[in-house]
């Protein structure tokens, strides 16, 4: 198994480009000039809030 990636990618709708971000520092590592997302870099998935059940 490979090591867990320390870089994620997000889409910036303002620039219409994919951006690589370091998970530890939160700093932008690079932005992609060509269309489409980076290969083999996980996309950012915001954590979904769980609905609380009132009983």
C-alpha atoms as a PDB file:
ATOM      1  CA  UNK A   1       0.000   0.000   0.000  1.00  0.00           C
ATOM      2  CA  UNK A   2       1.107   3.554  -0.707  1.00  0.00           C
ATOM      3  CA  UNK A   3       1.502   6.237   1.903  1.00  0.00           C
ATOM      4  CA  UNK A   4      -1.409   8.551   2.561  1.00  0.00           C
ATOM      5  CA  UNK A   5      -1.226  11.702   0.486  1.00  0.00           C
ATOM      6  CA  UNK A   6      -0.412  14.948   2.263  1.00  0.00           C
ATOM      7  CA  UNK A   7      -1.742  16.965  -0.676  1.00  0.00           C
ATOM      8  CA  UNK A   8      -5.355  17.437  -1.782  1.00  0.00           C
ATOM      9  CA  UNK A   9      -6.891  19.230  -4.739  1.00  0.00           C
ATOM     10  CA  UNK A  10      -9.807  21.633  -4.915  1.00  0.00           C
ATOM     11  CA  UNK A  11     -11.509  23.428  -7.784  1.00  0.00           C
ATOM     12  CA  UNK A  12     -11.316  27.204  -7.725  1.00  0.00           C
ATOM     13  CA  UNK A  13     -14.399  28.480  -9.584  1.00  0.00           C
ATOM     14  CA  UNK A  14     -13.045  32.036  -9.670  1.00  0.00           C
ATOM     15  CA  UNK A  15      -9.944  31.081 -11.686  1.00  0.00           C
ATOM     16  CA  UNK A  16     -11.558  27.935 -13.166  1.00  0.00           C
ATOM     17  CA  UNK A  17      -8.465  25.913 -12.261  1.00  0.00           C
ATOM     18  CA  UNK A  18      -7.622  22.982  -9.994  1.00  0.00           C
ATOM     19  CA  UNK A  19      -5.328  23.817  -7.074  1.00  0.00           C
ATOM     20  CA  UNK A  20      -3.095  21.513  -4.998  1.00  0.00           C
ATOM     21  CA  UNK A  21      -3.074  22.308  -1.269  1.00  0.00           C
ATOM     22  CA  UNK A  22      -0.771  20.944   1.446  1.00  0.00           C
ATOM     23  CA  UNK A  23      -2.992  19.411   4.152  1.00  0.00           C
ATOM     24  CA  UNK A  24      -0.600  20.186   7.016  1.00  0.00           C
ATOM     25  CA  UNK A  25       0.154  23.833   6.277  1.00  0.00           C
ATOM     26  CA  UNK A  26      -2.945  24.750   4.266  1.00  0.00           C
ATOM     27  CA  UNK A  27      -0.768  26.525   1.702  1.00  0.00           C
ATOM     28  CA  UNK A  28      -1.242  26.318  -2.047  1.00  0.00           C
ATOM     29  CA  UNK A  29       1.410  24.102  -3.623  1.00  0.00           C
ATOM     30  CA  UNK A  30       0.503  24.522  -7.303  1.00  0.00           C
ATOM     31  CA  UNK A  31      -2.299  25.312  -9.715  1.00  0.00           C
ATOM     32  CA  UNK A  32      -3.051  23.429 -12.903  1.00  0.00           C
ATOM     33  CA  UNK A  33      -2.844  25.238 -16.212  1.00  0.00           C
ATOM     34  CA  UNK A  34      -4.412  22.503 -18.342  1.00  0.00           C
ATOM     35  CA  UNK A  35      -8.094  21.577 -18.001  1.00  0.00           C
ATOM     36  CA  UNK A  36      -9.272  18.800 -15.692  1.00  0.00           C
ATOM     37  CA  UNK A  37      -8.212  17.672 -12.233  1.00  0.00           C
ATOM     38  CA  UNK A  38      -4.802  16.276 -11.259  1.00  0.00           C
ATOM     39  CA  UNK A  39      -4.353  12.523 -11.587  1.00  0.00           C
ATOM     40  CA  UNK A  40      -3.705  10.467  -8.433  1.00  0.00           C
ATOM     41  CA  UNK A  41      -4.350  13.422  -6.089  1.00  0.00           C
ATOM     42  CA  UNK A  42      -7.434  13.056  -3.854  1.00  0.00           C
ATOM     43  CA  UNK A  43     -10.157  15.670  -4.189  1.00  0.00           C
ATOM     44  CA  UNK A  44     -11.277  17.563  -1.114  1.00  0.00           C
ATOM     45  CA  UNK A  45     -14.467  16.132   0.340  1.00  0.00           C
ATOM     46  CA  UNK A  46     -16.067  18.359   2.981  1.00  0.00           C
ATOM     47  CA  UNK A  47     -17.310  16.424   5.980  1.00  0.00           C
ATOM     48  CA  UNK A  48     -21.055  16.089   5.970  1.00  0.00           C
ATOM     49  CA  UNK A  49     -22.886  17.086   9.091  1.00  0.00           C
ATOM     50  CA  UNK A  50     -24.905  14.328  10.653  1.00  0.00           C
ATOM     51  CA  UNK A  51     -28.506  15.101  11.303  1.00  0.00           C
ATOM     52  CA  UNK A  52     -29.432  14.738  14.922  1.00  0.00           C
ATOM     53  CA  UNK A  53     -32.470  12.603  15.552  1.00  0.00           C
ATOM     54  CA  UNK A  54     -34.896  13.926  18.068  1.00  0.00           C
ATOM     55  CA  UNK A  55     -36.714  11.137  19.755  1.00  0.00           C
END
